[in-house]
Amino acid sequence: MAYGWEGERLRLVPLDKGRHLDGALRWLNDPEVTRWTLIGDLPVHRLAEEDFFDRMGRGTDTDVVFAVETREGEHLGFSGLHRIEWRHGVAVTGTVLGRTDLWGRGYGTEAARLRAGYAFEVLGLRLLLSEVMEGNTASVRMLLRIGYQQTGRIPRRHWKRGAWRDTLQFALERPAP
């Protein structure tokens, strides 16, 4: 492996402000990209995003965030493990692909598969959790393709774009040896 965690078409690499910050600012402020994200619709400012990149660069005990790139180095988005509970072997997962022209081509599925492999094989986690806003069919398909199972629903969990939205809960357990 030359750089990062590589798959067939993608690699997950450490965040780099010089290479990934501008994409983050552009995509997290794009209403089309954030239509289904669980984070709010507040503007993301450069200083706040630089602070996030700095915190991730220093490392935290509870988060691992990667930039998603093609194997040729083209930046497509981000994928991460959050709220890691080391004692219980559990993390919450999320992916944002900002390159809308590449949506629907399996890049999100490959990124999620690489992230799960890293979580299980490298970090030794046993369970990955994810929440998806109802109506986000692309994310649901992505999770189901790599083996997540729907485990629940939280009614009216998020206020998003003028309405209360349910969230669907998913879980992926580490495969048995």
Protein backbone atom coordinates (compact mmCIF):
# COMPACT_ATOMS: atom_id res chain seq x y z
CA MET A 1 0.00 0.00 0.00
CA ALA A 2 1.57 3.24 -1.11
CA TYR A 3 -0.45 5.73 0.90
CA GLY A 4 -3.51 5.37 3.08
CA TRP A 5 -5.95 2.46 3.17
CA GLU A 6 -6.47 1.45 -0.44
CA GLY A 7 -9.33 -0.24 -2.20
CA GLU A 8 -9.98 -0.97 -5.84
CA ARG A 9 -10.60 2.68 -6.83
CA LEU A 10 -10.24 4.66 -3.60
CA ARG A 11 -8.00 5.28 -0.65
CA LEU A 12 -8.65 6.70 2.79
CA VAL A 13 -5.88 9.10 3.78
CA PRO A 14 -5.14 11.38 6.74
CA LEU A 15 -6.62 14.86 6.55
CA ASP A 16 -4.31 17.45 5.05
CA LYS A 17 -5.30 21.11 5.26
CA GLY A 18 -3.40 21.98 2.11
CA ARG A 19 -5.08 19.29 0.06
CA HIS A 20 -8.52 18.85 1.67
CA LEU A 21 -9.63 22.04 3.44
CA ASP A 22 -10.97 23.89 0.40
CA GLY A 23 -13.07 20.89 -0.63
CA ALA A 24 -14.49 20.63 2.89
CA LEU A 25 -15.50 24.29 2.91
CA ARG A 26 -17.03 24.10 -0.55
CA TRP A 27 -18.99 20.89 0.11
CA LEU A 28 -20.15 21.59 3.68
CA ASN A 29 -21.58 24.90 2.46
CA ASP A 30 -23.32 23.35 -0.57
CA PRO A 31 -27.07 22.81 0.08
CA GLU A 32 -27.16 19.86 -2.33
CA VAL A 33 -24.34 18.06 -0.51
CA THR A 34 -25.77 18.75 2.96
CA ARG A 35 -29.39 17.99 2.03
CA TRP A 36 -29.34 14.70 3.95
CA THR A 37 -26.51 15.24 6.42
CA LEU A 38 -27.34 15.00 10.10
CA ILE A 39 -25.38 18.15 10.84
CA GLY A 40 -27.24 21.42 10.62
CA ASP A 41 -27.42 23.87 7.79
CA LEU A 42 -25.36 26.56 9.47
CA PRO A 43 -22.49 28.07 7.47
CA VAL A 44 -19.12 26.39 7.98
CA HIS A 45 -16.45 29.07 8.32
CA ARG A 46 -12.79 28.64 7.39
CA LEU A 47 -11.52 29.21 10.96
CA ALA A 48 -13.88 26.58 12.39
CA GLU A 49 -12.95 24.03 9.73
CA GLU A 50 -9.24 24.77 10.18
CA ASP A 51 -9.70 24.13 13.90
CA PHE A 52 -11.39 20.80 13.11
CA PHE A 53 -8.53 19.80 10.81
CA ASP A 54 -6.02 20.80 13.51
CA ARG A 55 -7.82 18.75 16.19
CA MET A 56 -7.99 15.71 13.92
CA GLY A 57 -4.33 16.20 13.01
CA ARG A 58 -3.30 16.17 16.67
CA GLY A 59 -5.43 13.08 17.17
CA THR A 60 -8.28 12.47 19.55
CA ASP A 61 -9.22 9.51 21.70
CA THR A 62 -12.66 9.27 20.10
CA ASP A 63 -12.41 10.16 16.39
CA VAL A 64 -10.60 8.98 13.28
CA VAL A 65 -11.41 10.97 10.14
CA PHE A 66 -10.07 10.27 6.66
CA ALA A 67 -10.21 12.14 3.39
CA VAL A 68 -11.59 9.98 0.59
CA GLU A 69 -9.49 10.15 -2.56
CA THR A 70 -9.26 8.25 -5.80
CA ARG A 71 -6.09 6.17 -6.09
CA GLU A 72 -4.85 8.97 -8.36
CA GLY A 73 -5.22 11.49 -5.51
CA GLU A 74 -8.46 13.27 -6.49
CA HIS A 75 -10.32 14.37 -3.34
CA LEU A 76 -13.96 13.14 -3.24
CA GLY A 77 -15.05 13.58 0.39
CA PHE A 78 -14.60 12.38 3.97
CA SER A 79 -15.30 9.25 6.00
CA GLY A 80 -14.87 8.76 9.71
CA LEU A 81 -15.28 6.89 12.94
CA HIS A 82 -16.70 9.03 15.74
CA ARG A 83 -17.52 8.72 19.43
CA ILE A 84 -15.30 5.65 19.69
CA GLU A 85 -15.97 3.72 22.89
CA TRP A 86 -12.80 1.68 23.29
CA ARG A 87 -14.05 -0.29 26.28
CA HIS A 88 -17.08 -1.51 24.34
CA GLY A 89 -15.49 -1.64 20.88
CA VAL A 90 -18.11 0.63 19.31
CA ALA A 91 -17.97 3.65 16.99
CA VAL A 92 -20.41 5.81 15.04
CA THR A 93 -19.66 6.09 11.33
CA GLY A 94 -20.28 8.69 8.68
CA THR A 95 -19.33 9.55 5.10
CA VAL A 96 -19.80 12.70 3.03
CA LEU A 97 -18.97 12.66 -0.65
CA GLY A 98 -18.87 16.20 -1.95
CA ARG A 99 -18.28 15.47 -5.62
CA THR A 100 -21.93 15.36 -6.66
CA ASP A 101 -20.96 14.52 -10.26
CA LEU A 102 -19.67 11.18 -8.95
CA TRP A 103 -22.68 10.23 -6.80
CA GLY A 104 -24.30 6.88 -7.58
CA ARG A 105 -21.10 5.22 -8.81
CA GLY A 106 -20.26 3.12 -5.76
CA TYR A 107 -17.59 5.39 -4.27
CA GLY A 108 -19.49 5.78 -0.99
CA THR A 109 -19.88 2.01 -0.71
CA GLU A 110 -16.17 1.45 -1.30
CA ALA A 111 -15.23 4.16 1.22
CA ALA A 112 -17.54 2.65 3.84
CA ARG A 113 -16.15 -0.84 3.19
CA LEU A 114 -12.56 0.43 3.59
CA ARG A 115 -13.53 2.30 6.77
CA ALA A 116 -15.17 -0.83 8.24
CA GLY A 117 -12.09 -2.91 7.43
CA TYR A 118 -9.89 -0.37 9.18
CA ALA A 119 -12.23 -0.25 12.20
CA PHE A 120 -12.37 -4.03 12.60
CA GLU A 121 -8.91 -5.17 11.46
CA VAL A 122 -6.72 -2.31 12.67
CA LEU A 123 -8.56 -0.75 15.60
CA GLY A 124 -10.13 -4.01 16.80
CA LEU A 125 -13.63 -2.54 17.11
CA ARG A 126 -16.55 -4.96 17.15
CA LEU A 127 -19.59 -2.83 16.25
CA LEU A 128 -20.20 0.15 13.97
CA LEU A 129 -23.35 2.27 14.25
CA SER A 130 -24.80 4.73 11.78
CA GLU A 131 -27.84 6.99 11.56
CA VAL A 132 -29.41 8.05 8.29
CA MET A 133 -32.17 10.55 7.79
CA GLU A 134 -35.26 8.88 6.35
CA GLY A 135 -35.41 9.62 2.64
CA ASN A 136 -31.65 9.35 2.13
CA THR A 137 -31.99 6.25 -0.02
CA ALA A 138 -28.42 6.42 -1.36
CA SER A 139 -26.92 6.18 2.13
CA VAL A 140 -29.31 3.39 3.12
CA ARG A 141 -28.32 1.39 0.01
CA MET A 142 -24.63 2.00 0.75
CA LEU A 143 -24.93 0.72 4.32
CA LEU A 144 -26.97 -2.32 3.35
CA ARG A 145 -24.51 -3.24 0.57
CA ILE A 146 -21.65 -3.62 3.02
CA GLY A 147 -23.69 -5.55 5.57
CA TYR A 148 -25.20 -3.04 7.98
CA GLN A 149 -28.61 -4.07 9.35
CA GLN A 150 -31.36 -1.62 10.20
CA THR A 151 -31.89 -1.79 13.95
CA GLY A 152 -34.36 0.98 14.65
CA ARG A 153 -35.98 4.32 13.93
CA ILE A 154 -36.11 7.51 15.95
CA PRO A 155 -39.21 9.51 15.03
CA ARG A 156 -38.85 13.23 14.42
CA ARG A 157 -35.17 13.14 15.46
CA HIS A 158 -33.85 16.07 13.40
CA TRP A 159 -35.23 19.39 12.21
CA LYS A 160 -34.05 19.67 8.62
CA ARG A 161 -35.15 22.02 5.87
CA GLY A 162 -38.49 22.93 7.38
CA ALA A 163 -39.65 19.58 8.74
CA TRP A 164 -39.00 17.06 11.49
CA ARG A 165 -37.22 14.02 10.05
CA ASP A 166 -37.03 10.47 11.36
CA THR A 167 -33.63 8.84 11.52
CA LEU A 168 -33.01 5.21 10.71
CA GLN A 169 -30.44 3.38 12.84
CA PHE A 170 -28.05 0.79 11.44
CA ALA A 171 -25.41 -1.53 12.90
CA LEU A 172 -22.56 -3.57 11.45
CA GLU A 173 -20.89 -6.24 13.58
CA ARG A 174 -17.35 -7.45 12.99
CA PRO A 175 -17.50 -10.73 11.10
CA ALA A 176 -16.79 -13.83 13.17
CA PRO A 177 -13.28 -15.25 12.65
